């Protein structure tokens, strides 16, 4: 897959998991269950959580080293082929990872990006069997909507299951970096990342501030983005994780998950609303370590026929609550 021009790239098939370190793993475990993850393996040092998708796990939670604070470690991807995995293994600075005790097993190598974050490239994992349909909070298997003129749901009632929103998969993650240009350049020249949307600074077309990357899979449709890279604008500038985002089946499931997290006393960041870039319905929360984590539903998918969109930054939502101050929103007035 892909043209002869990019044969030197390490081609990745999909995003699979993220890795975080938490100061209190037991507290995070409670949050993870309330968020909709399923625990699939654990030791005193780490827990692996899965969704109901094909990846053996989607979140690797580790205990922070003694005396250390929380940390985003990096993310794991599935190689497109064994040849791509071998190419990753031969990449400068690549280190073998012992994945024998992980859910799914297989092989993995670790590469560092320009910011010191880990990119793991994996191959040969045993995948989970997919259910016949997505897991919805709607008890009859999924939402069937009655429109104003067309009534598809006749004689059947919509009833919802109380509880967490079941996570399907890891959809994307993003971080803020003071090495914006070199980071974007590295991902594009090392792997098959291509920009779906690129945003320029408010009032200044000469300065790009955010790139939504997808993995090029030719004519096959893929998620609008699996990696978001944004320019650090703080003084002094710093590099830090922005958020990680996990897919749920539908809006009803998302709303029930929102209600569950709210009733459990967790802190809402922003939501529920609908994004412009990617179109997904979003719901952002702080986890127990104050990392930002998102449920999303109904996101865009694109393929090689989509031309990169360039637009001005600042248009973050079609509808939803006001943008939070941490992401450039206005301070609420009393």
C-alpha atoms as a PDB file:
ATOM      1  CA  UNK A   1       0.000   0.000   0.000  1.00  0.00           C
ATOM      2  CA  UNK A   2       1.312   3.520  -0.731  1.00  0.00           C
ATOM      3  CA  UNK A   3       3.364   4.883  -3.625  1.00  0.00           C
ATOM      4  CA  UNK A   4       6.954   4.097  -4.580  1.00  0.00           C
ATOM      5  CA  UNK A   5       7.911   7.528  -3.239  1.00  0.00           C
ATOM      6  CA  UNK A   6       7.343   6.446   0.368  1.00  0.00           C
ATOM      7  CA  UNK A   7       8.830   2.940   0.279  1.00  0.00           C
ATOM      8  CA  UNK A   8      11.573   4.059   2.701  1.00  0.00           C
ATOM      9  CA  UNK A   9       8.960   4.924   5.315  1.00  0.00           C
ATOM     10  CA  UNK A  10       8.129   2.606   8.193  1.00  0.00           C
ATOM     11  CA  UNK A  11       4.495   1.998   7.403  1.00  0.00           C
ATOM     12  CA  UNK A  12       2.055   1.676  10.295  1.00  0.00           C
ATOM     13  CA  UNK A  13      -1.400   0.146  10.012  1.00  0.00           C
ATOM     14  CA  UNK A  14      -3.102   1.697  13.024  1.00  0.00           C
ATOM     15  CA  UNK A  15      -2.769   3.277  16.439  1.00  0.00           C
ATOM     16  CA  UNK A  16      -3.170   0.659  19.172  1.00  0.00           C
ATOM     17  CA  UNK A  17      -2.434   1.886  22.722  1.00  0.00           C
ATOM     18  CA  UNK A  18      -1.077   4.642  24.947  1.00  0.00           C
ATOM     19  CA  UNK A  19       1.259   4.353  27.936  1.00  0.00           C
ATOM     20  CA  UNK A  20       0.953   6.510  31.068  1.00  0.00           C
ATOM     21  CA  UNK A  21       2.571   6.505  34.493  1.00  0.00           C
ATOM     22  CA  UNK A  22       0.342   7.269  37.485  1.00  0.00           C
ATOM     23  CA  UNK A  23       1.391   8.004  41.084  1.00  0.00           C
ATOM     24  CA  UNK A  24      -1.513   5.943  42.465  1.00  0.00           C
ATOM     25  CA  UNK A  25      -2.385   2.972  40.267  1.00  0.00           C
ATOM     26  CA  UNK A  26      -5.231   1.795  42.511  1.00  0.00           C
ATOM     27  CA  UNK A  27      -6.998   5.143  42.257  1.00  0.00           C
ATOM     28  CA  UNK A  28      -6.559   5.198  38.489  1.00  0.00           C
ATOM     29  CA  UNK A  29      -7.957   1.651  38.251  1.00  0.00           C
ATOM     30  CA  UNK A  30     -11.242   2.880  39.750  1.00  0.00           C
ATOM     31  CA  UNK A  31     -11.390   5.747  37.269  1.00  0.00           C
ATOM     32  CA  UNK A  32     -10.558   3.441  34.352  1.00  0.00           C
ATOM     33  CA  UNK A  33     -13.464   1.130  35.156  1.00  0.00           C
ATOM     34  CA  UNK A  34     -15.825   4.103  35.454  1.00  0.00           C
ATOM     35  CA  UNK A  35     -14.514   5.416  32.116  1.00  0.00           C
ATOM     36  CA  UNK A  36     -15.436   2.183  30.352  1.00  0.00           C
ATOM     37  CA  UNK A  37     -12.197   0.205  30.099  1.00  0.00           C
ATOM     38  CA  UNK A  38     -11.949  -3.513  30.797  1.00  0.00           C
ATOM     39  CA  UNK A  39      -9.000  -4.696  32.880  1.00  0.00           C
ATOM     40  CA  UNK A  40      -7.271  -7.594  31.107  1.00  0.00           C
ATOM     41  CA  UNK A  41      -4.022  -8.039  33.082  1.00  0.00           C
ATOM     42  CA  UNK A  42      -2.348  -6.555  36.130  1.00  0.00           C
ATOM     43  CA  UNK A  43       0.732  -6.699  38.333  1.00  0.00           C
ATOM     44  CA  UNK A  44       1.822  -4.469  41.194  1.00  0.00           C
ATOM     45  CA  UNK A  45       3.621  -2.258  38.640  1.00  0.00           C
ATOM     46  CA  UNK A  46       1.195  -2.013  35.740  1.00  0.00           C
ATOM     47  CA  UNK A  47      -2.316  -2.669  34.471  1.00  0.00           C
ATOM     48  CA  UNK A  48      -3.442  -3.271  30.908  1.00  0.00           C
ATOM     49  CA  UNK A  49      -6.926  -2.137  29.927  1.00  0.00           C
ATOM     50  CA  UNK A  50      -8.772  -3.117  26.762  1.00  0.00           C
ATOM     51  CA  UNK A  51     -11.769  -1.972  24.816  1.00  0.00           C
ATOM     52  CA  UNK A  52     -14.029  -4.345  22.917  1.00  0.00           C
ATOM     53  CA  UNK A  53     -12.155  -3.751  19.630  1.00  0.00           C
ATOM     54  CA  UNK A  54      -9.478  -5.957  18.100  1.00  0.00           C
ATOM     55  CA  UNK A  55      -6.503  -4.573  20.029  1.00  0.00           C
ATOM     56  CA  UNK A  56      -5.431  -6.761  22.959  1.00  0.00           C
ATOM     57  CA  UNK A  57      -5.144  -3.620  25.073  1.00  0.00           C
ATOM     58  CA  UNK A  58      -5.599   0.102  24.487  1.00  0.00           C
ATOM     59  CA  UNK A  59      -4.174   1.593  27.694  1.00  0.00           C
ATOM     60  CA  UNK A  60      -1.051   0.583  29.628  1.00  0.00           C
ATOM     61  CA  UNK A  61      -1.126   2.193  33.091  1.00  0.00           C
ATOM     62  CA  UNK A  62       2.142   1.981  35.011  1.00  0.00           C
ATOM     63  CA  UNK A  63       3.138   2.979  38.508  1.00  0.00           C
ATOM     64  CA  UNK A  64       5.273   6.105  38.561  1.00  0.00           C
ATOM     65  CA  UNK A  65       8.809   5.438  39.857  1.00  0.00           C
ATOM     66  CA  UNK A  66       9.204   6.147  43.559  1.00  0.00           C
ATOM     67  CA  UNK A  67       9.105   9.871  44.195  1.00  0.00           C
ATOM     68  CA  UNK A  68       8.206  10.669  40.589  1.00  0.00           C
ATOM     69  CA  UNK A  69       5.090  12.443  39.397  1.00  0.00           C
ATOM     70  CA  UNK A  70       2.702  11.410  36.640  1.00  0.00           C
ATOM     71  CA  UNK A  71       4.057  11.050  33.098  1.00  0.00           C
ATOM     72  CA  UNK A  72       2.876  10.395  29.575  1.00  0.00           C
ATOM     73  CA  UNK A  73       5.299   7.816  28.161  1.00  0.00           C
ATOM     74  CA  UNK A  74       4.119   7.371  24.572  1.00  0.00           C
ATOM     75  CA  UNK A  75       1.986   5.310  22.228  1.00  0.00           C
ATOM     76  CA  UNK A  76       2.029   2.009  20.379  1.00  0.00           C
ATOM     77  CA  UNK A  77       1.193   1.279  16.760  1.00  0.00           C
ATOM     78  CA  UNK A  78       0.715  -1.888  14.722  1.00  0.00           C
ATOM     79  CA  UNK A  79       3.132  -2.258  11.791  1.00  0.00           C
ATOM     80  CA  UNK A  80       1.594  -2.685   8.352  1.00  0.00           C
ATOM     81  CA  UNK A  81       3.778  -5.704   7.589  1.00  0.00           C
ATOM     82  CA  UNK A  82       6.559  -7.819   9.038  1.00  0.00           C
ATOM     83  CA  UNK A  83       8.969  -6.000   6.719  1.00  0.00           C
ATOM     84  CA  UNK A  84       7.900  -2.694   8.275  1.00  0.00           C
ATOM     85  CA  UNK A  85       8.455  -4.142  11.737  1.00  0.00           C
ATOM     86  CA  UNK A  86      11.967  -5.189  10.706  1.00  0.00           C
ATOM     87  CA  UNK A  87      12.574  -1.693   9.364  1.00  0.00           C
ATOM     88  CA  UNK A  88      11.470  -0.243  12.693  1.00  0.00           C
ATOM     89  CA  UNK A  89      13.792  -2.644  14.506  1.00  0.00           C
ATOM     90  CA  UNK A  90      16.682  -1.370  12.373  1.00  0.00           C
ATOM     91  CA  UNK A  91      15.848   2.307  12.943  1.00  0.00           C
ATOM     92  CA  UNK A  92      18.549   4.363  14.655  1.00  0.00           C
ATOM     93  CA  UNK A  93      18.211   4.018  18.437  1.00  0.00           C
ATOM     94  CA  UNK A  94      15.462   1.378  18.278  1.00  0.00           C
ATOM     95  CA  UNK A  95      15.254  -0.873  21.346  1.00  0.00           C
ATOM     96  CA  UNK A  96      13.601  -4.254  21.639  1.00  0.00           C
ATOM     97  CA  UNK A  97      10.650  -4.443  24.052  1.00  0.00           C
ATOM     98  CA  UNK A  98       9.799  -7.605  25.953  1.00  0.00           C
ATOM     99  CA  UNK A  99       6.111  -7.990  25.139  1.00  0.00           C
ATOM    100  CA  UNK A 100       5.856 -11.674  26.064  1.00  0.00           C
ATOM    101  CA  UNK A 101       3.821 -10.952  29.196  1.00  0.00           C
ATOM    102  CA  UNK A 102       1.566  -8.364  27.625  1.00  0.00           C
ATOM    103  CA  UNK A 103      -1.959  -9.206  26.512  1.00  0.00           C
ATOM    104  CA  UNK A 104      -1.657 -10.321  22.894  1.00  0.00           C
ATOM    105  CA  UNK A 105       2.059 -11.070  23.112  1.00  0.00           C
ATOM    106  CA  UNK A 106       3.874 -10.538  19.818  1.00  0.00           C
ATOM    107  CA  UNK A 107       6.954  -8.407  19.233  1.00  0.00           C
ATOM    108  CA  UNK A 108       7.642  -4.724  19.802  1.00  0.00           C
ATOM    109  CA  UNK A 109      10.413  -2.156  19.408  1.00  0.00           C
ATOM    110  CA  UNK A 110      10.697   1.272  20.977  1.00  0.00           C
ATOM    111  CA  UNK A 111      11.774   4.428  19.120  1.00  0.00           C
ATOM    112  CA  UNK A 112      12.010   7.911  20.634  1.00  0.00           C
ATOM    113  CA  UNK A 113      10.515  10.885  18.839  1.00  0.00           C
ATOM    114  CA  UNK A 114      12.166  14.354  18.902  1.00  0.00           C
ATOM    115  CA  UNK A 115      10.507  15.156  22.245  1.00  0.00           C
ATOM    116  CA  UNK A 116      11.573  11.979  24.027  1.00  0.00           C
ATOM    117  CA  UNK A 117       8.133  10.361  23.786  1.00  0.00           C
ATOM    118  CA  UNK A 118       8.061   6.662  22.960  1.00  0.00           C
ATOM    119  CA  UNK A 119       6.730   5.288  19.689  1.00  0.00           C
ATOM    120  CA  UNK A 120       6.356   1.521  19.960  1.00  0.00           C
ATOM    121  CA  UNK A 121       5.995  -0.441  16.741  1.00  0.00           C
ATOM    122  CA  UNK A 122       4.349  -3.851  17.267  1.00  0.00           C
ATOM    123  CA  UNK A 123       3.867  -6.985  15.209  1.00  0.00           C
ATOM    124  CA  UNK A 124       2.314 -10.407  15.631  1.00  0.00           C
ATOM    125  CA  UNK A 125      -0.087  -9.661  18.472  1.00  0.00           C
ATOM    126  CA  UNK A 126      -3.066 -11.948  19.000  1.00  0.00           C
ATOM    127  CA  UNK A 127      -6.128  -9.808  18.373  1.00  0.00           C
ATOM    128  CA  UNK A 128      -9.449  -9.894  20.170  1.00  0.00           C
ATOM    129  CA  UNK A 129     -12.504 -11.126  18.315  1.00  0.00           C
ATOM    130  CA  UNK A 130     -14.783  -8.279  17.298  1.00  0.00           C
ATOM    131  CA  UNK A 131     -18.427  -8.383  18.367  1.00  0.00           C
ATOM    132  CA  UNK A 132     -21.048  -8.491  15.641  1.00  0.00           C
ATOM    133  CA  UNK A 133     -21.927  -4.858  16.373  1.00  0.00           C
ATOM    134  CA  UNK A 134     -20.761  -1.973  18.544  1.00  0.00           C
ATOM    135  CA  UNK A 135     -21.602  -2.023  22.246  1.00  0.00           C
ATOM    136  CA  UNK A 136     -24.314   0.560  22.860  1.00  0.00           C
ATOM    137  CA  UNK A 137     -26.028   1.793  25.997  1.00  0.00           C
ATOM    138  CA  UNK A 138     -29.282   1.395  24.067  1.00  0.00           C
ATOM    139  CA  UNK A 139     -30.639  -1.914  25.320  1.00  0.00           C
ATOM    140  CA  UNK A 140     -32.153  -3.063  22.014  1.00  0.00           C
ATOM    141  CA  UNK A 141     -28.709  -3.113  20.378  1.00  0.00           C
ATOM    142  CA  UNK A 142     -28.299   0.440  19.147  1.00  0.00           C
ATOM    143  CA  UNK A 143     -30.186   3.639  18.421  1.00  0.00           C
ATOM    144  CA  UNK A 144     -32.832   3.707  15.732  1.00  0.00           C
ATOM    145  CA  UNK A 145     -33.988   7.286  15.311  1.00  0.00           C
ATOM    146  CA  UNK A 146     -37.416   8.564  14.422  1.00  0.00           C
ATOM    147  CA  UNK A 147     -37.047  11.638  12.256  1.00  0.00           C
ATOM    148  CA  UNK A 148     -39.653  14.304  11.767  1.00  0.00           C
ATOM    149  CA  UNK A 149     -41.000  12.713   8.583  1.00  0.00           C
ATOM    150  CA  UNK A 150     -39.529   9.205   8.535  1.00  0.00           C
ATOM    151  CA  UNK A 151     -40.289   6.961  11.513  1.00  0.00           C
ATOM    152  CA  UNK A 152     -37.897   4.019  11.428  1.00  0.00           C
ATOM    153  CA  UNK A 153     -38.649   2.928  15.007  1.00  0.00           C
ATOM    154  CA  UNK A 154     -42.263   1.737  15.126  1.00  0.00           C
ATOM    155  CA  UNK A 155     -43.645  -0.020  18.181  1.00  0.00           C
ATOM    156  CA  UNK A 156     -40.218  -0.204  19.823  1.00  0.00           C
ATOM    157  CA  UNK A 157     -39.062   1.944  22.717  1.00  0.00           C
ATOM    158  CA  UNK A 158     -35.632   3.449  23.363  1.00  0.00           C
ATOM    159  CA  UNK A 159     -34.371   2.240  26.726  1.00  0.00           C
ATOM    160  CA  UNK A 160     -30.870   2.915  28.026  1.00  0.00           C
ATOM    161  CA  UNK A 161     -28.513   0.922  30.218  1.00  0.00           C
ATOM    162  CA  UNK A 162     -27.030   2.790  33.181  1.00  0.00           C
ATOM    163  CA  UNK A 163     -23.259   2.508  33.574  1.00  0.00           C
ATOM    164  CA  UNK A 164     -19.935   3.449  31.982  1.00  0.00           C
ATOM    165  CA  UNK A 165     -19.650   4.031  28.243  1.00  0.00           C
ATOM    166  CA  UNK A 166     -17.989   0.897  26.847  1.00  0.00           C
ATOM    167  CA  UNK A 167     -14.744   1.850  25.092  1.00  0.00           C
ATOM    168  CA  UNK A 168     -14.212   0.433  21.613  1.00  0.00           C
ATOM    169  CA  UNK A 169     -10.667   1.549  20.784  1.00  0.00           C
ATOM    170  CA  UNK A 170      -8.037   4.239  21.132  1.00  0.00           C
ATOM    171  CA  UNK A 171      -8.827   6.757  18.411  1.00  0.00           C
ATOM    172  CA  UNK A 172      -6.118   9.376  18.771  1.00  0.00           C
ATOM    173  CA  UNK A 173      -3.750  11.155  21.106  1.00  0.00           C
ATOM    174  CA  UNK A 174      -2.057  14.516  20.934  1.00  0.00           C
ATOM    175  CA  UNK A 175       0.606  16.614  22.520  1.00  0.00           C
ATOM    176  CA  UNK A 176       1.875  20.155  22.699  1.00  0.00           C
ATOM    177  CA  UNK A 177       5.498  20.733  21.751  1.00  0.00           C
ATOM    178  CA  UNK A 178       8.047  23.525  21.565  1.00  0.00           C
ATOM    179  CA  UNK A 179       9.588  21.601  18.642  1.00  0.00           C
ATOM    180  CA  UNK A 180       6.540  21.806  16.426  1.00  0.00           C
ATOM    181  CA  UNK A 181       8.212  21.917  12.996  1.00  0.00           C
ATOM    182  CA  UNK A 182      10.833  19.255  13.721  1.00  0.00           C
ATOM    183  CA  UNK A 183       8.217  16.993  15.333  1.00  0.00           C
ATOM    184  CA  UNK A 184       5.836  17.187  12.367  1.00  0.00           C
ATOM    185  CA  UNK A 185       8.762  16.679   9.993  1.00  0.00           C
ATOM    186  CA  UNK A 186      10.001  13.606  11.915  1.00  0.00           C
ATOM    187  CA  UNK A 187       6.636  11.844  11.943  1.00  0.00           C
ATOM    188  CA  UNK A 188       6.089  12.492   8.229  1.00  0.00           C
ATOM    189  CA  UNK A 189       9.571  11.349   7.194  1.00  0.00           C
ATOM    190  CA  UNK A 190       9.800   8.338   9.514  1.00  0.00           C
ATOM    191  CA  UNK A 191       6.310   6.864   9.168  1.00  0.00           C
ATOM    192  CA  UNK A 192       3.324   7.068   6.817  1.00  0.00           C
ATOM    193  CA  UNK A 193       1.690   9.975   8.653  1.00  0.00           C
ATOM    194  CA  UNK A 194       0.001  12.508   6.382  1.00  0.00           C
ATOM    195  CA  UNK A 195      -1.722  15.746   7.411  1.00  0.00           C
ATOM    196  CA  UNK A 196      -5.501  15.770   7.181  1.00  0.00           C
ATOM    197  CA  UNK A 197      -6.003  19.314   8.514  1.00  0.00           C
ATOM    198  CA  UNK A 198      -3.402  22.002   9.278  1.00  0.00           C
ATOM    199  CA  UNK A 199      -4.363  25.091  11.289  1.00  0.00           C
ATOM    200  CA  UNK A 200      -2.590  28.431  11.208  1.00  0.00           C
ATOM    201  CA  UNK A 201      -2.352  30.955  14.021  1.00  0.00           C
ATOM    202  CA  UNK A 202      -5.161  33.449  14.508  1.00  0.00           C
ATOM    203  CA  UNK A 203      -4.532  36.300  12.115  1.00  0.00           C
ATOM    204  CA  UNK A 204      -1.241  34.859  10.806  1.00  0.00           C
ATOM    205  CA  UNK A 205      -1.268  32.413   7.885  1.00  0.00           C
ATOM    206  CA  UNK A 206       2.518  32.184   8.001  1.00  0.00           C
ATOM    207  CA  UNK A 207       2.597  30.278  11.318  1.00  0.00           C
ATOM    208  CA  UNK A 208       1.058  26.812  11.606  1.00  0.00           C
ATOM    209  CA  UNK A 209      -0.016  25.859  15.125  1.00  0.00           C
ATOM    210  CA  UNK A 210      -1.704  22.449  14.821  1.00  0.00           C
ATOM    211  CA  UNK A 211      -1.584  19.431  12.525  1.00  0.00           C
ATOM    212  CA  UNK A 212      -4.090  16.570  12.558  1.00  0.00           C
ATOM    213  CA  UNK A 213      -2.242  13.503  11.239  1.00  0.00           C
ATOM    214  CA  UNK A 214      -3.735  10.269   9.925  1.00  0.00           C
ATOM    215  CA  UNK A 215      -1.998   7.097   8.796  1.00  0.00           C
ATOM    216  CA  UNK A 216      -2.010   6.815   5.013  1.00  0.00           C
ATOM    217  CA  UNK A 217      -3.696   3.590   3.945  1.00  0.00           C
ATOM    218  CA  UNK A 218      -4.267   4.495   0.311  1.00  0.00           C
ATOM    219  CA  UNK A 219      -7.861   4.000  -0.805  1.00  0.00           C
ATOM    220  CA  UNK A 220      -8.875   2.446   2.530  1.00  0.00           C
ATOM    221  CA  UNK A 221     -10.747   4.831   4.810  1.00  0.00           C
ATOM    222  CA  UNK A 222      -9.127   5.661   8.136  1.00  0.00           C
ATOM    223  CA  UNK A 223      -9.927   7.941  11.056  1.00  0.00           C
ATOM    224  CA  UNK A 224      -9.593  11.665  10.334  1.00  0.00           C
ATOM    225  CA  UNK A 225      -6.612  11.735  12.718  1.00  0.00           C
ATOM    226  CA  UNK A 226      -4.802   9.458  15.107  1.00  0.00           C
ATOM    227  CA  UNK A 227      -2.154  12.007  16.143  1.00  0.00           C
ATOM    228  CA  UNK A 228      -2.515  15.713  16.920  1.00  0.00           C
ATOM    229  CA  UNK A 229       0.607  17.866  17.196  1.00  0.00           C
ATOM    230  CA  UNK A 230       0.171  21.442  18.444  1.00  0.00           C
ATOM    231  CA  UNK A 231       2.618  24.293  18.913  1.00  0.00           C
ATOM    232  CA  UNK A 232       3.475  25.217  22.503  1.00  0.00           C
ATOM    233  CA  UNK A 233       2.541  28.833  23.115  1.00  0.00           C
ATOM    234  CA  UNK A 234       3.326  29.146  26.810  1.00  0.00           C
ATOM    235  CA  UNK A 235       6.337  31.103  28.078  1.00  0.00           C
ATOM    236  CA  UNK A 236       8.563  29.329  28.740  1.00  0.00           C
ATOM    237  CA  UNK A 237       7.381  26.812  26.164  1.00  0.00           C
ATOM    238  CA  UNK A 238       7.023  23.219  27.288  1.00  0.00           C
ATOM    239  CA  UNK A 239       6.238  19.868  25.763  1.00  0.00           C
ATOM    240  CA  UNK A 240       3.381  17.941  27.344  1.00  0.00           C
ATOM    241  CA  UNK A 241       0.613  15.528  26.478  1.00  0.00           C
ATOM    242  CA  UNK A 242      -2.618  17.175  25.348  1.00  0.00           C
ATOM    243  CA  UNK A 243      -5.095  14.300  25.653  1.00  0.00           C
ATOM    244  CA  UNK A 244      -5.922  10.750  24.599  1.00  0.00           C
ATOM    245  CA  UNK A 245      -9.260   9.896  23.034  1.00  0.00           C
ATOM    246  CA  UNK A 246     -11.275   6.677  23.011  1.00  0.00           C
ATOM    247  CA  UNK A 247     -14.177   5.773  20.751  1.00  0.00           C
ATOM    248  CA  UNK A 248     -17.631   4.756  21.964  1.00  0.00           C
ATOM    249  CA  UNK A 249     -20.503   3.464  19.852  1.00  0.00           C
ATOM    250  CA  UNK A 250     -23.005   6.315  19.666  1.00  0.00           C
ATOM    251  CA  UNK A 251     -24.278   9.539  21.197  1.00  0.00           C
ATOM    252  CA  UNK A 252     -26.615   7.797  23.649  1.00  0.00           C
ATOM    253  CA  UNK A 253     -23.712   5.707  24.948  1.00  0.00           C
ATOM    254  CA  UNK A 254     -21.617   8.835  25.242  1.00  0.00           C
ATOM    255  CA  UNK A 255     -24.328  10.694  27.148  1.00  0.00           C
ATOM    256  CA  UNK A 256     -24.823   7.790  29.549  1.00  0.00           C
ATOM    257  CA  UNK A 257     -21.071   7.648  30.123  1.00  0.00           C
ATOM    258  CA  UNK A 258     -21.041  11.396  30.759  1.00  0.00           C
ATOM    259  CA  UNK A 259     -23.801  11.009  33.323  1.00  0.00           C
ATOM    260  CA  UNK A 260     -21.995   8.089  34.985  1.00  0.00           C
ATOM    261  CA  UNK A 261     -18.717  10.019  35.331  1.00  0.00           C
ATOM    262  CA  UNK A 262     -20.509  13.129  36.570  1.00  0.00           C
ATOM    263  CA  UNK A 263     -22.447  11.169  39.193  1.00  0.00           C
ATOM    264  CA  UNK A 264     -19.212   9.500  40.319  1.00  0.00           C
ATOM    265  CA  UNK A 265     -17.772  12.940  41.083  1.00  0.00           C
ATOM    266  CA  UNK A 266     -15.095  13.227  38.387  1.00  0.00           C
ATOM    267  CA  UNK A 267     -14.071  16.608  36.984  1.00  0.00           C
ATOM    268  CA  UNK A 268     -15.363  17.605  33.554  1.00  0.00           C
ATOM    269  CA  UNK A 269     -13.013  19.485  31.226  1.00  0.00           C
ATOM    270  CA  UNK A 270     -15.269  20.178  28.230  1.00  0.00           C
ATOM    271  CA  UNK A 271     -18.336  18.578  26.695  1.00  0.00           C
ATOM    272  CA  UNK A 272     -20.514  17.363  25.366  1.00  0.00           C
ATOM    273  CA  UNK A 273     -20.129  19.067  21.981  1.00  0.00           C
ATOM    274  CA  UNK A 274     -19.219  18.444  18.343  1.00  0.00           C
ATOM    275  CA  UNK A 275     -15.818  19.293  16.904  1.00  0.00           C
ATOM    276  CA  UNK A 276     -15.183  20.930  13.545  1.00  0.00           C
ATOM    277  CA  UNK A 277     -11.984  19.110  12.578  1.00  0.00           C
ATOM    278  CA  UNK A 278     -12.871  15.423  12.654  1.00  0.00           C
ATOM    279  CA  UNK A 279     -16.559  16.146  13.358  1.00  0.00           C
ATOM    280  CA  UNK A 280     -16.608  13.824  16.365  1.00  0.00           C
ATOM    281  CA  UNK A 281     -18.889  14.368  19.324  1.00  0.00           C
ATOM    282  CA  UNK A 282     -16.502  15.000  22.223  1.00  0.00           C
ATOM    283  CA  UNK A 283     -16.519  14.676  25.998  1.00  0.00           C
ATOM    284  CA  UNK A 284     -13.295  15.550  27.866  1.00  0.00           C
ATOM    285  CA  UNK A 285     -12.600  14.643  31.505  1.00  0.00           C
ATOM    286  CA  UNK A 286      -9.729  14.783  33.970  1.00  0.00           C
ATOM    287  CA  UNK A 287      -8.669  11.345  35.117  1.00  0.00           C
ATOM    288  CA  UNK A 288      -7.506  10.621  38.675  1.00  0.00           C
ATOM    289  CA  UNK A 289      -3.995  11.928  37.883  1.00  0.00           C
ATOM    290  CA  UNK A 290      -5.359  15.041  36.144  1.00  0.00           C
ATOM    291  CA  UNK A 291      -4.508  13.872  32.627  1.00  0.00           C
ATOM    292  CA  UNK A 292      -7.159  14.811  30.078  1.00  0.00           C
ATOM    293  CA  UNK A 293      -8.999  11.867  28.529  1.00  0.00           C
ATOM    294  CA  UNK A 294     -11.827  11.915  25.991  1.00  0.00           C
ATOM    295  CA  UNK A 295     -14.775   9.841  24.877  1.00  0.00           C
ATOM    296  CA  UNK A 296     -15.737  10.472  21.259  1.00  0.00           C
ATOM    297  CA  UNK A 297     -18.353   9.187  18.822  1.00  0.00           C
ATOM    298  CA  UNK A 298     -19.286   9.690  15.162  1.00  0.00           C
ATOM    299  CA  UNK A 299     -15.882  10.802  13.856  1.00  0.00           C
ATOM    300  CA  UNK A 300     -14.950  11.403  10.214  1.00  0.00           C
ATOM    301  CA  UNK A 301     -13.071   8.861   8.095  1.00  0.00           C
ATOM    302  CA  UNK A 302     -11.056   9.830   5.008  1.00  0.00           C
ATOM    303  CA  UNK A 303      -8.759   8.252   2.410  1.00  0.00           C
ATOM    304  CA  UNK A 304      -6.105   9.330  -0.102  1.00  0.00           C
ATOM    305  CA  UNK A 305      -8.661  11.259  -2.140  1.00  0.00           C
ATOM    306  CA  UNK A 306      -9.011  13.823   0.660  1.00  0.00           C
ATOM    307  CA  UNK A 307      -6.885  16.927   0.099  1.00  0.00           C
ATOM    308  CA  UNK A 308      -5.262  18.497   3.148  1.00  0.00           C
ATOM    309  CA  UNK A 309      -7.398  21.302   4.562  1.00  0.00           C
ATOM    310  CA  UNK A 310      -5.704  24.462   5.784  1.00  0.00           C
ATOM    311  CA  UNK A 311      -7.731  26.744   8.045  1.00  0.00           C
ATOM    312  CA  UNK A 312      -7.417  29.312  10.805  1.00  0.00           C
ATOM    313  CA  UNK A 313      -7.219  27.979  14.349  1.00  0.00           C
ATOM    314  CA  UNK A 314      -9.827  28.830  16.965  1.00  0.00           C
ATOM    315  CA  UNK A 315     -12.928  27.167  15.502  1.00  0.00           C
ATOM    316  CA  UNK A 316     -12.979  24.197  17.856  1.00  0.00           C
ATOM    317  CA  UNK A 317     -16.644  23.250  18.051  1.00  0.00           C
ATOM    318  CA  UNK A 318     -19.818  23.440  15.984  1.00  0.00           C
ATOM    319  CA  UNK A 319     -21.875  23.292  19.160  1.00  0.00           C
ATOM    320  CA  UNK A 320     -21.236  22.672  22.825  1.00  0.00           C
ATOM    321  CA  UNK A 321     -20.283  24.509  26.005  1.00  0.00           C
ATOM    322  CA  UNK A 322     -17.810  27.425  25.910  1.00  0.00           C
ATOM    323  CA  UNK A 323     -14.192  26.472  25.207  1.00  0.00           C
ATOM    324  CA  UNK A 324     -12.351  26.020  28.529  1.00  0.00           C
ATOM    325  CA  UNK A 325      -9.780  28.586  29.589  1.00  0.00           C
ATOM    326  CA  UNK A 326      -6.975  26.004  29.415  1.00  0.00           C
ATOM    327  CA  UNK A 327      -7.552  25.808  25.646  1.00  0.00           C
ATOM    328  CA  UNK A 328      -7.909  29.510  24.977  1.00  0.00           C
ATOM    329  CA  UNK A 329     -11.484  30.133  26.061  1.00  0.00           C
ATOM    330  CA  UNK A 330     -12.591  33.260  27.861  1.00  0.00           C
ATOM    331  CA  UNK A 331     -12.552  33.435  31.637  1.00  0.00           C
ATOM    332  CA  UNK A 332     -16.154  33.109  32.885  1.00  0.00           C
ATOM    333  CA  UNK A 333     -17.561  36.315  34.361  1.00  0.00           C
ATOM    334  CA  UNK A 334     -19.319  36.336  37.697  1.00  0.00           C
END
